[in-house]
Amino acid sequence: MFRHASFYGALFVLLLGFALVGCGGGNKKQSPADPAATANQSSQGEPQADQKAALDEINKILDMELVKKENAGRTTIYRPFTELGGYPSWQVIQNGDTVRMDAVVMDGTKWEKAKKDDNYIYWYAIIFSTDEQKWEYNIPNSNGSTGGGKETSSNAKGTYELYKTAFGNLAPGYRLLVEGTNPNIRLRGANKRKDIKVSKEMIAAMKAGLRLDELFISTRGKIDRAQ
């Protein structure tokens, strides 16, 4: 009987030893050099690298030949070189290291013509269309003349109607035009309408604007550029 007791006692000690070794080995694996922890630490630097790349690309686009720069006091304005009436377009307003980006649609083909109310369309809707599809945007709180960012003006040079809004509001229409065939814009008022044929230059400007909008979203409206 004692022999059985000593046998089971020795077996218990042996099993206890294996258990202690196993526990010790598990603790050794939880080291600072754990591969998962190392990968997590290295990934923390990726957002900063991505933002730097975005800021660099923003500067490259704003330095393109199709973009012109204007200074107005402490504000810098960037917009594409487009002929009068060559819209839709966009503008970037920089103040320090922050920006505002607007979409701009303008009927300026009446410039230099007689200043008559008959020249106005008083449009309140913008219809973006291609052979594949169309998208309609109604200017909020507009009576066709003013409201919601719409302006109707007349001066010594002529008459024009202009609409300016945050770029994201018209981005779906711009994207439709650059991705489709036979792009066209229709300005629709209560009693009149006008179609604007979209040129290759306007498409190039819209492509640059769409990419800028994506980059500004990733940088949260920041810019790294001397004024």
C-alpha atoms as a PDB file:
ATOM      1  CA  MET A   1       0.000   0.000   0.000  1.00  0.00           C
ATOM      2  CA  PHE A   2       2.854   2.375   0.765  1.00  0.00           C
ATOM      3  CA  ARG A   3       4.309   1.563  -2.620  1.00  0.00           C
ATOM      4  CA  HIS A   4       1.082   2.749  -4.286  1.00  0.00           C
ATOM      5  CA  ALA A   5       1.088   5.907  -2.198  1.00  0.00           C
ATOM      6  CA  SER A   6       4.682   6.738  -3.092  1.00  0.00           C
ATOM      7  CA  PHE A   7       3.970   6.024  -6.764  1.00  0.00           C
ATOM      8  CA  TYR A   8       1.001   8.420  -6.866  1.00  0.00           C
ATOM      9  CA  GLY A   9       2.949  11.000  -4.880  1.00  0.00           C
ATOM     10  CA  ALA A  10       5.792  10.923  -7.383  1.00  0.00           C
ATOM     11  CA  LEU A  11       3.318  11.175 -10.270  1.00  0.00           C
ATOM     12  CA  PHE A  12       1.654  14.217  -8.651  1.00  0.00           C
ATOM     13  CA  VAL A  13       5.000  15.978  -8.250  1.00  0.00           C
ATOM     14  CA  LEU A  14       5.894  15.211 -11.873  1.00  0.00           C
ATOM     15  CA  LEU A  15       2.598  16.575 -13.215  1.00  0.00           C
ATOM     16  CA  LEU A  16       2.903  19.665 -11.022  1.00  0.00           C
ATOM     17  CA  GLY A  17       6.342  20.321 -12.473  1.00  0.00           C
ATOM     18  CA  PHE A  18       5.037  20.154 -16.041  1.00  0.00           C
ATOM     19  CA  ALA A  19       2.231  22.551 -15.125  1.00  0.00           C
ATOM     20  CA  LEU A  20       4.655  25.092 -13.641  1.00  0.00           C
ATOM     21  CA  VAL A  21       6.914  24.926 -16.707  1.00  0.00           C
ATOM     22  CA  GLY A  22       3.917  25.488 -18.958  1.00  0.00           C
ATOM     23  CA  CYS A  23       2.813  28.547 -17.043  1.00  0.00           C
ATOM     24  CA  GLY A  24       6.288  30.000 -17.101  1.00  0.00           C
ATOM     25  CA  GLY A  25       6.545  29.494 -20.865  1.00  0.00           C
ATOM     26  CA  GLY A  26       3.251  31.298 -21.420  1.00  0.00           C
ATOM     27  CA  ASN A  27       4.502  34.328 -19.506  1.00  0.00           C
ATOM     28  CA  LYS A  28       7.655  34.520 -21.605  1.00  0.00           C
ATOM     29  CA  LYS A  29       5.584  34.900 -24.781  1.00  0.00           C
ATOM     30  CA  GLN A  30       3.977  38.130 -23.482  1.00  0.00           C
ATOM     31  CA  SER A  31       7.108  40.174 -24.179  1.00  0.00           C
ATOM     32  CA  PRO A  32       7.421  43.727 -25.510  1.00  0.00           C
ATOM     33  CA  ALA A  33       8.769  42.280 -28.745  1.00  0.00           C
ATOM     34  CA  ASP A  34       5.459  40.529 -29.483  1.00  0.00           C
ATOM     35  CA  PRO A  35       4.941  40.668 -33.292  1.00  0.00           C
ATOM     36  CA  ALA A  36       1.323  41.856 -32.996  1.00  0.00           C
ATOM     37  CA  ALA A  37       2.318  44.683 -30.658  1.00  0.00           C
ATOM     38  CA  THR A  38       5.170  45.703 -32.971  1.00  0.00           C
ATOM     39  CA  ALA A  39       2.856  45.777 -35.992  1.00  0.00           C
ATOM     40  CA  ASN A  40       0.343  47.879 -34.079  1.00  0.00           C
ATOM     41  CA  GLN A  41       3.033  50.380 -33.085  1.00  0.00           C
ATOM     42  CA  SER A  42       4.336  50.716 -36.647  1.00  0.00           C
ATOM     43  CA  SER A  43       0.826  51.274 -38.038  1.00  0.00           C
ATOM     44  CA  GLN A  44       0.397  54.342 -35.837  1.00  0.00           C
ATOM     45  CA  GLY A  45       2.708  56.261 -38.145  1.00  0.00           C
ATOM     46  CA  GLU A  46       0.711  55.524 -41.311  1.00  0.00           C
ATOM     47  CA  PRO A  47      -1.987  58.229 -40.921  1.00  0.00           C
ATOM     48  CA  GLN A  48       0.686  60.918 -40.641  1.00  0.00           C
ATOM     49  CA  ALA A  49       2.411  59.614 -43.777  1.00  0.00           C
ATOM     50  CA  ASP A  50      -0.919  59.533 -45.646  1.00  0.00           C
ATOM     51  CA  GLN A  51      -1.736  63.113 -44.644  1.00  0.00           C
ATOM     52  CA  LYS A  52       1.661  64.358 -45.796  1.00  0.00           C
ATOM     53  CA  ALA A  53       1.121  62.686 -49.166  1.00  0.00           C
ATOM     54  CA  ALA A  54      -2.319  64.334 -49.410  1.00  0.00           C
ATOM     55  CA  LEU A  55      -0.907  67.771 -48.556  1.00  0.00           C
ATOM     56  CA  ASP A  56       1.822  67.330 -51.182  1.00  0.00           C
ATOM     57  CA  GLU A  57      -0.729  66.357 -53.837  1.00  0.00           C
ATOM     58  CA  ILE A  58      -2.893  69.376 -52.982  1.00  0.00           C
ATOM     59  CA  ASN A  59       0.085  71.643 -53.657  1.00  0.00           C
ATOM     60  CA  LYS A  60       0.803  69.917 -56.969  1.00  0.00           C
ATOM     61  CA  ILE A  61      -2.770  70.478 -58.155  1.00  0.00           C
ATOM     62  CA  LEU A  62      -2.782  74.130 -57.080  1.00  0.00           C
ATOM     63  CA  ASP A  63       0.497  74.610 -58.980  1.00  0.00           C
ATOM     64  CA  MET A  64      -0.959  73.243 -62.238  1.00  0.00           C
ATOM     65  CA  GLU A  65      -1.030  75.574 -65.228  1.00  0.00           C
ATOM     66  CA  LEU A  66      -4.828  75.497 -65.340  1.00  0.00           C
ATOM     67  CA  VAL A  67      -5.048  77.088 -61.862  1.00  0.00           C
ATOM     68  CA  LYS A  68      -4.582  80.795 -61.198  1.00  0.00           C
ATOM     69  CA  LYS A  69      -3.826  82.396 -57.853  1.00  0.00           C
ATOM     70  CA  GLU A  70      -5.136  85.704 -56.520  1.00  0.00           C
ATOM     71  CA  ASN A  71      -4.389  87.482 -53.259  1.00  0.00           C
ATOM     72  CA  ALA A  72      -6.991  89.590 -51.491  1.00  0.00           C
ATOM     73  CA  GLY A  73      -5.599  90.890 -48.210  1.00  0.00           C
ATOM     74  CA  ARG A  74      -4.994  87.936 -45.923  1.00  0.00           C
ATOM     75  CA  THR A  75      -6.942  85.605 -48.193  1.00  0.00           C
ATOM     76  CA  THR A  76      -5.625  83.636 -51.172  1.00  0.00           C
ATOM     77  CA  ILE A  77      -8.013  82.433 -53.864  1.00  0.00           C
ATOM     78  CA  TYR A  78      -7.314  79.618 -56.324  1.00  0.00           C
ATOM     79  CA  ARG A  79      -9.569  78.950 -59.308  1.00  0.00           C
ATOM     80  CA  PRO A  80      -9.121  77.386 -62.741  1.00  0.00           C
ATOM     81  CA  PHE A  81      -8.386  79.450 -65.823  1.00  0.00           C
ATOM     82  CA  THR A  82     -11.759  79.330 -67.549  1.00  0.00           C
ATOM     83  CA  GLU A  83     -13.221  81.633 -70.144  1.00  0.00           C
ATOM     84  CA  LEU A  84     -16.170  83.734 -69.054  1.00  0.00           C
ATOM     85  CA  GLY A  85     -19.184  81.475 -68.993  1.00  0.00           C
ATOM     86  CA  GLY A  86     -16.874  78.442 -68.910  1.00  0.00           C
ATOM     87  CA  TYR A  87     -18.520  76.904 -65.895  1.00  0.00           C
ATOM     88  CA  PRO A  88     -19.162  74.780 -63.808  1.00  0.00           C
ATOM     89  CA  SER A  89     -15.982  75.382 -61.937  1.00  0.00           C
ATOM     90  CA  TRP A  90     -14.644  75.742 -58.395  1.00  0.00           C
ATOM     91  CA  GLN A  91     -12.614  77.975 -56.126  1.00  0.00           C
ATOM     92  CA  VAL A  92     -10.443  77.379 -53.079  1.00  0.00           C
ATOM     93  CA  ILE A  93     -10.175  80.142 -50.491  1.00  0.00           C
ATOM     94  CA  GLN A  94      -7.147  79.822 -48.204  1.00  0.00           C
ATOM     95  CA  ASN A  95      -6.896  81.655 -44.914  1.00  0.00           C
ATOM     96  CA  GLY A  96      -3.828  80.571 -42.976  1.00  0.00           C
ATOM     97  CA  ASP A  97      -3.678  76.790 -42.950  1.00  0.00           C
ATOM     98  CA  THR A  98      -7.416  76.263 -43.479  1.00  0.00           C
ATOM     99  CA  VAL A  99      -9.451  76.261 -46.680  1.00  0.00           C
ATOM    100  CA  ARG A 100     -12.989  76.556 -47.976  1.00  0.00           C
ATOM    101  CA  MET A 101     -13.824  74.979 -51.322  1.00  0.00           C
ATOM    102  CA  ASP A 102     -16.860  76.087 -53.331  1.00  0.00           C
ATOM    103  CA  ALA A 103     -18.477  74.920 -56.527  1.00  0.00           C
ATOM    104  CA  VAL A 104     -19.401  77.722 -58.925  1.00  0.00           C
ATOM    105  CA  VAL A 105     -21.934  77.676 -61.752  1.00  0.00           C
ATOM    106  CA  MET A 106     -22.318  80.824 -63.806  1.00  0.00           C
ATOM    107  CA  ASP A 107     -24.171  81.986 -66.873  1.00  0.00           C
ATOM    108  CA  GLY A 108     -21.791  84.639 -68.092  1.00  0.00           C
ATOM    109  CA  THR A 109     -22.326  84.475 -71.841  1.00  0.00           C
ATOM    110  CA  LYS A 110     -24.362  87.700 -71.700  1.00  0.00           C
ATOM    111  CA  TRP A 111     -21.261  89.621 -70.653  1.00  0.00           C
ATOM    112  CA  GLU A 112     -20.706  92.821 -72.628  1.00  0.00           C
ATOM    113  CA  LYS A 113     -24.272  92.642 -73.932  1.00  0.00           C
ATOM    114  CA  ALA A 114     -27.054  95.106 -73.217  1.00  0.00           C
ATOM    115  CA  LYS A 115     -28.155  95.191 -69.602  1.00  0.00           C
ATOM    116  CA  LYS A 116     -31.716  94.010 -70.007  1.00  0.00           C
ATOM    117  CA  ASP A 117     -33.779  91.851 -67.725  1.00  0.00           C
ATOM    118  CA  ASP A 118     -34.703  89.793 -70.790  1.00  0.00           C
ATOM    119  CA  ASN A 119     -31.188  88.347 -70.685  1.00  0.00           C
ATOM    120  CA  TYR A 120     -31.817  86.672 -67.346  1.00  0.00           C
ATOM    121  CA  ILE A 121     -32.979  83.083 -67.053  1.00  0.00           C
ATOM    122  CA  TYR A 122     -33.624  83.362 -63.329  1.00  0.00           C
ATOM    123  CA  TRP A 123     -32.645  79.710 -63.032  1.00  0.00           C
ATOM    124  CA  TYR A 124     -33.159  77.826 -59.808  1.00  0.00           C
ATOM    125  CA  ALA A 125     -32.340  74.284 -60.975  1.00  0.00           C
ATOM    126  CA  ILE A 126     -29.146  72.829 -62.466  1.00  0.00           C
ATOM    127  CA  ILE A 127     -29.452  69.622 -64.481  1.00  0.00           C
ATOM    128  CA  PHE A 128     -26.249  67.659 -65.105  1.00  0.00           C
ATOM    129  CA  SER A 129     -26.672  65.116 -67.904  1.00  0.00           C
ATOM    130  CA  THR A 130     -24.753  62.689 -70.109  1.00  0.00           C
ATOM    131  CA  ASP A 131     -25.824  60.016 -72.572  1.00  0.00           C
ATOM    132  CA  GLU A 132     -25.889  57.576 -69.661  1.00  0.00           C
ATOM    133  CA  GLN A 133     -27.795  59.443 -66.956  1.00  0.00           C
ATOM    134  CA  LYS A 134     -28.755  62.791 -65.437  1.00  0.00           C
ATOM    135  CA  TRP A 135     -28.824  64.391 -62.010  1.00  0.00           C
ATOM    136  CA  GLU A 136     -30.852  67.439 -60.995  1.00  0.00           C
ATOM    137  CA  TYR A 137     -29.956  69.909 -58.272  1.00  0.00           C
ATOM    138  CA  ASN A 138     -32.479  72.455 -56.995  1.00  0.00           C
ATOM    139  CA  ILE A 139     -31.042  75.534 -55.329  1.00  0.00           C
ATOM    140  CA  PRO A 140     -32.485  75.689 -51.803  1.00  0.00           C
ATOM    141  CA  ASN A 141     -34.384  78.815 -50.732  1.00  0.00           C
ATOM    142  CA  SER A 142     -33.983  80.430 -54.145  1.00  0.00           C
ATOM    143  CA  ASN A 143     -36.594  82.359 -56.108  1.00  0.00           C
ATOM    144  CA  GLY A 144     -34.486  82.112 -59.245  1.00  0.00           C
ATOM    145  CA  SER A 145     -32.940  85.515 -58.740  1.00  0.00           C
ATOM    146  CA  THR A 146     -31.417  85.323 -55.271  1.00  0.00           C
ATOM    147  CA  GLY A 147     -31.305  83.029 -52.273  1.00  0.00           C
ATOM    148  CA  GLY A 148     -29.324  79.965 -51.247  1.00  0.00           C
ATOM    149  CA  GLY A 149     -26.122  81.315 -52.790  1.00  0.00           C
ATOM    150  CA  LYS A 150     -27.658  82.515 -56.064  1.00  0.00           C
ATOM    151  CA  GLU A 151     -26.858  86.012 -57.344  1.00  0.00           C
ATOM    152  CA  THR A 152     -28.218  87.957 -60.284  1.00  0.00           C
ATOM    153  CA  SER A 153     -26.188  91.045 -61.083  1.00  0.00           C
ATOM    154  CA  SER A 154     -25.710  93.736 -63.635  1.00  0.00           C
ATOM    155  CA  ASN A 155     -22.800  96.129 -63.945  1.00  0.00           C
ATOM    156  CA  ALA A 156     -20.874  98.162 -66.516  1.00  0.00           C
ATOM    157  CA  LYS A 157     -19.607  95.008 -68.209  1.00  0.00           C
ATOM    158  CA  GLY A 158     -22.924  93.262 -68.604  1.00  0.00           C
ATOM    159  CA  THR A 159     -25.260  90.890 -66.781  1.00  0.00           C
ATOM    160  CA  TYR A 160     -24.769  87.509 -65.204  1.00  0.00           C
ATOM    161  CA  GLU A 161     -26.300  84.883 -62.935  1.00  0.00           C
ATOM    162  CA  LEU A 162     -24.029  83.039 -60.528  1.00  0.00           C
ATOM    163  CA  TYR A 163     -24.488  80.263 -57.996  1.00  0.00           C
ATOM    164  CA  LYS A 164     -21.869  79.403 -55.371  1.00  0.00           C
ATOM    165  CA  THR A 165     -22.147  76.621 -52.808  1.00  0.00           C
ATOM    166  CA  ALA A 166     -20.016  74.154 -50.865  1.00  0.00           C
ATOM    167  CA  PHE A 167     -18.263  71.920 -53.391  1.00  0.00           C
ATOM    168  CA  GLY A 168     -19.719  68.730 -51.960  1.00  0.00           C
ATOM    169  CA  ASN A 169     -23.250  69.866 -52.866  1.00  0.00           C
ATOM    170  CA  LEU A 170     -22.521  69.741 -56.612  1.00  0.00           C
ATOM    171  CA  ALA A 171     -19.821  67.051 -56.584  1.00  0.00           C
ATOM    172  CA  PRO A 172     -22.257  64.302 -57.737  1.00  0.00           C
ATOM    173  CA  GLY A 173     -23.116  66.355 -60.821  1.00  0.00           C
ATOM    174  CA  TYR A 174     -19.491  67.155 -61.582  1.00  0.00           C
ATOM    175  CA  ARG A 175     -18.544  63.480 -61.281  1.00  0.00           C
ATOM    176  CA  LEU A 176     -21.371  62.487 -63.613  1.00  0.00           C
ATOM    177  CA  LEU A 177     -20.063  64.903 -66.254  1.00  0.00           C
ATOM    178  CA  VAL A 178     -16.423  63.787 -66.109  1.00  0.00           C
ATOM    179  CA  GLU A 179     -17.307  60.082 -66.206  1.00  0.00           C
ATOM    180  CA  GLY A 180     -20.012  60.180 -68.900  1.00  0.00           C
ATOM    181  CA  THR A 181     -20.209  60.937 -72.627  1.00  0.00           C
ATOM    182  CA  ASN A 182     -21.605  64.124 -74.191  1.00  0.00           C
ATOM    183  CA  PRO A 183     -21.750  66.048 -70.900  1.00  0.00           C
ATOM    184  CA  ASN A 184     -24.196  68.923 -70.713  1.00  0.00           C
ATOM    185  CA  ILE A 185     -25.597  71.354 -68.158  1.00  0.00           C
ATOM    186  CA  ARG A 186     -29.071  72.835 -68.293  1.00  0.00           C
ATOM    187  CA  LEU A 187     -30.004  75.923 -66.288  1.00  0.00           C
ATOM    188  CA  ARG A 188     -33.749  75.874 -65.727  1.00  0.00           C
ATOM    189  CA  GLY A 189     -35.934  78.754 -64.620  1.00  0.00           C
ATOM    190  CA  ALA A 190     -39.682  79.169 -64.362  1.00  0.00           C
ATOM    191  CA  ASN A 191     -40.107  80.320 -67.962  1.00  0.00           C
ATOM    192  CA  LYS A 192     -36.691  79.870 -69.549  1.00  0.00           C
ATOM    193  CA  ARG A 193     -33.916  77.345 -69.826  1.00  0.00           C
ATOM    194  CA  LYS A 194     -30.421  77.314 -71.224  1.00  0.00           C
ATOM    195  CA  ASP A 195     -28.020  74.509 -72.122  1.00  0.00           C
ATOM    196  CA  ILE A 196     -24.268  74.864 -71.590  1.00  0.00           C
ATOM    197  CA  LYS A 197     -22.036  72.559 -73.606  1.00  0.00           C
ATOM    198  CA  VAL A 198     -19.228  71.278 -71.420  1.00  0.00           C
ATOM    199  CA  SER A 199     -15.779  71.673 -73.007  1.00  0.00           C
ATOM    200  CA  LYS A 200     -12.621  69.601 -72.525  1.00  0.00           C
ATOM    201  CA  GLU A 201     -11.116  72.474 -70.528  1.00  0.00           C
ATOM    202  CA  MET A 202     -14.088  72.488 -68.176  1.00  0.00           C
ATOM    203  CA  ILE A 203     -13.814  68.708 -67.733  1.00  0.00           C
ATOM    204  CA  ALA A 204     -10.111  69.072 -66.849  1.00  0.00           C
ATOM    205  CA  ALA A 205     -10.990  71.747 -64.277  1.00  0.00           C
ATOM    206  CA  MET A 206     -13.760  69.605 -62.773  1.00  0.00           C
ATOM    207  CA  LYS A 207     -11.449  66.576 -62.492  1.00  0.00           C
ATOM    208  CA  ALA A 208      -8.918  68.685 -60.587  1.00  0.00           C
ATOM    209  CA  GLY A 209     -11.706  70.010 -58.355  1.00  0.00           C
ATOM    210  CA  LEU A 210     -13.051  66.560 -57.552  1.00  0.00           C
ATOM    211  CA  ARG A 211      -9.607  65.330 -56.576  1.00  0.00           C
ATOM    212  CA  LEU A 212      -8.984  68.407 -54.428  1.00  0.00           C
ATOM    213  CA  ASP A 213     -12.267  67.823 -52.617  1.00  0.00           C
ATOM    214  CA  GLU A 214     -11.232  64.234 -51.798  1.00  0.00           C
ATOM    215  CA  LEU A 215      -7.852  65.408 -50.523  1.00  0.00           C
ATOM    216  CA  PHE A 216      -9.319  68.176 -48.368  1.00  0.00           C
ATOM    217  CA  ILE A 217     -11.658  65.642 -46.781  1.00  0.00           C
ATOM    218  CA  SER A 218      -8.679  63.460 -45.857  1.00  0.00           C
ATOM    219  CA  THR A 219      -6.774  66.459 -44.406  1.00  0.00           C
ATOM    220  CA  ARG A 220      -9.890  67.808 -42.671  1.00  0.00           C
ATOM    221  CA  GLY A 221      -9.702  71.101 -44.509  1.00  0.00           C
ATOM    222  CA  LYS A 222      -6.031  71.728 -43.809  1.00  0.00           C
ATOM    223  CA  ILE A 223      -3.432  72.968 -46.254  1.00  0.00           C
ATOM    224  CA  ASP A 224       0.345  73.257 -45.987  1.00  0.00           C
ATOM    225  CA  ARG A 225       1.095  76.115 -48.352  1.00  0.00           C
ATOM    226  CA  ALA A 226       2.597  79.579 -47.993  1.00  0.00           C
ATOM    227  CA  GLN A 227       0.275  82.410 -48.983  1.00  0.00           C
END
